[in-house]
């Protein structure tokens, strides 16, 4: 199976995990309810967040291999992908550090999560969705 197909499958799963994480926390923070519902949404957010991290690792590995193979011949779309992916990784590490070690900065976690979701969606649309559209068109 080509790396493009593997990366596309992983990217779809990554986007699904990002959606679950994003919408569960948006429901928890945006529509406060009873404590049991709030705790379930928090656990769902945490679980899908760690799934997101674990799905991102092979994508980073495969993308790094592709980047090394392409060298200076990377397309403009590939360059955008690389820059946005590096930004995604930086925001993810910042959010993890905020949540795990710098609890006094927890007020920024929601904004960082929104940034993570936005970056994930944009990266997905310029790469995996583009590849899916090309495959569907037979090119």
Protein backbone atom coordinates (compact mmCIF):
# COMPACT_ATOMS: atom_id res chain seq x y z
CA UNK A 1 0.00 0.00 0.00
CA UNK A 2 1.50 3.38 -0.98
CA UNK A 3 2.44 5.88 1.71
CA UNK A 4 -0.12 8.35 0.32
CA UNK A 5 -2.93 5.89 1.04
CA UNK A 6 -1.63 5.11 4.53
CA UNK A 7 -1.23 8.81 5.31
CA UNK A 8 -4.72 9.57 3.99
CA UNK A 9 -6.31 6.85 6.14
CA UNK A 10 -4.40 8.06 9.21
CA UNK A 11 -5.31 11.68 8.39
CA UNK A 12 -9.02 10.79 8.24
CA UNK A 13 -8.76 9.07 11.62
CA UNK A 14 -6.79 12.04 12.98
CA UNK A 15 -9.48 14.46 11.81
CA UNK A 16 -12.16 12.27 13.39
CA UNK A 17 -10.29 12.28 16.72
CA UNK A 18 -9.86 16.06 16.46
CA UNK A 19 -13.58 16.50 15.81
CA UNK A 20 -14.55 14.35 18.80
CA UNK A 21 -12.09 16.21 21.01
CA UNK A 22 -13.14 19.65 19.79
CA UNK A 23 -16.90 19.13 19.89
CA UNK A 24 -16.89 17.35 23.25
CA UNK A 25 -15.04 20.22 24.90
CA UNK A 26 -17.15 22.82 23.09
CA UNK A 27 -20.28 21.08 24.43
CA UNK A 28 -18.79 20.95 27.93
CA UNK A 29 -17.70 24.59 28.02
CA UNK A 30 -20.43 26.07 25.83
CA UNK A 31 -23.44 24.35 27.34
CA UNK A 32 -22.82 23.79 31.02
CA UNK A 33 -24.99 21.04 32.42
CA UNK A 34 -25.03 18.58 35.23
CA UNK A 35 -21.73 17.40 36.69
CA UNK A 36 -22.07 13.79 35.43
CA UNK A 37 -22.50 14.95 31.81
CA UNK A 38 -19.62 17.37 32.19
CA UNK A 39 -17.32 14.65 33.53
CA UNK A 40 -18.26 12.27 30.68
CA UNK A 41 -17.46 14.97 28.12
CA UNK A 42 -14.14 15.70 29.84
CA UNK A 43 -13.16 12.00 29.75
CA UNK A 44 -14.23 11.75 26.10
CA UNK A 45 -12.13 14.82 25.30
CA UNK A 46 -9.11 13.38 27.11
CA UNK A 47 -9.40 9.96 25.43
CA UNK A 48 -9.85 11.36 21.93
CA UNK A 49 -7.03 13.83 22.57
CA UNK A 50 -4.59 11.03 23.35
CA UNK A 51 -5.83 9.11 20.29
CA UNK A 52 -5.07 12.28 18.30
CA UNK A 53 -1.51 12.35 19.69
CA UNK A 54 -0.91 8.66 18.94
CA UNK A 55 -2.28 9.01 15.39
CA UNK A 56 -0.11 12.05 14.81
CA UNK A 57 3.13 10.17 15.59
CA UNK A 58 3.12 7.87 12.51
CA UNK A 59 2.02 10.81 10.36
CA UNK A 60 5.05 12.78 11.57
CA UNK A 61 7.32 9.80 10.85
CA UNK A 62 5.90 9.21 7.36
CA UNK A 63 5.87 12.92 6.56
CA UNK A 64 9.48 13.30 7.69
CA UNK A 65 10.53 10.46 5.41
CA UNK A 66 8.69 12.08 2.50
CA UNK A 67 10.30 15.45 3.29
CA UNK A 68 13.79 13.94 3.29
CA UNK A 69 13.09 12.15 0.00
CA UNK A 70 11.80 15.33 -1.67
CA UNK A 71 14.62 17.57 -0.47
CA UNK A 72 14.53 21.00 -2.09
CA UNK A 73 12.00 19.85 -4.71
CA UNK A 74 9.02 20.26 -2.40
CA UNK A 75 5.93 21.83 -4.01
CA UNK A 76 4.27 24.95 -2.66
CA UNK A 77 1.40 22.87 -1.25
CA UNK A 78 3.96 20.57 0.38
CA UNK A 79 5.75 23.57 1.86
CA UNK A 80 2.50 24.91 3.31
CA UNK A 81 1.77 21.45 4.68
CA UNK A 82 5.17 21.26 6.35
CA UNK A 83 4.93 24.76 7.89
CA UNK A 84 1.38 24.18 9.14
CA UNK A 85 2.31 20.73 10.48
CA UNK A 86 5.26 22.20 12.38
CA UNK A 87 2.91 24.85 13.79
CA UNK A 88 0.41 22.13 14.74
CA UNK A 89 3.13 20.24 16.60
CA UNK A 90 4.21 23.41 18.44
CA UNK A 91 0.63 24.25 19.49
CA UNK A 92 0.04 20.64 20.56
CA UNK A 93 3.16 20.63 22.72
CA UNK A 94 2.16 23.99 24.20
CA UNK A 95 -1.31 22.67 25.04
CA UNK A 96 0.08 19.49 26.59
CA UNK A 97 2.52 21.49 28.70
CA UNK A 98 -0.27 23.85 29.77
CA UNK A 99 -2.62 21.04 30.78
CA UNK A 100 -0.03 18.73 32.36
CA UNK A 101 2.58 20.95 33.99
CA UNK A 102 1.50 24.60 34.00
CA UNK A 103 -2.01 24.38 35.43
CA UNK A 104 -2.02 28.09 36.28
CA UNK A 105 -2.26 28.75 32.51
CA UNK A 106 -5.25 26.43 32.03
CA UNK A 107 -7.41 29.36 30.90
CA UNK A 108 -5.54 29.23 27.57
CA UNK A 109 -6.27 25.54 26.95
CA UNK A 110 -9.58 26.18 25.15
CA UNK A 111 -7.96 28.65 22.75
CA UNK A 112 -5.07 26.29 22.09
CA UNK A 113 -7.55 23.48 21.42
CA UNK A 114 -9.44 25.63 18.94
CA UNK A 115 -6.15 26.41 17.23
CA UNK A 116 -5.27 22.70 17.10
CA UNK A 117 -8.61 21.84 15.54
CA UNK A 118 -8.33 24.66 13.00
CA UNK A 119 -4.78 23.69 11.98
CA UNK A 120 -5.77 20.02 11.73
CA UNK A 121 -8.72 20.86 9.49
CA UNK A 122 -6.68 23.13 7.21
CA UNK A 123 -3.84 20.60 6.88
CA UNK A 124 -6.37 17.85 6.15
CA UNK A 125 -8.09 19.93 3.48
CA UNK A 126 -4.91 20.94 1.63
CA UNK A 127 -3.44 17.44 1.60
CA UNK A 128 -5.66 14.44 2.37
CA UNK A 129 -8.85 15.94 0.93
CA UNK A 130 -6.90 17.06 -2.14
CA UNK A 131 -5.53 13.51 -2.59
CA UNK A 132 -9.02 12.01 -2.15
CA UNK A 133 -10.45 14.39 -4.77
CA UNK A 134 -7.66 13.55 -7.22
CA UNK A 135 -8.17 9.82 -6.64
CA UNK A 136 -11.92 10.15 -7.16
CA UNK A 137 -11.30 12.04 -10.40
CA UNK A 138 -9.03 9.23 -11.59
CA UNK A 139 -5.86 11.29 -11.80
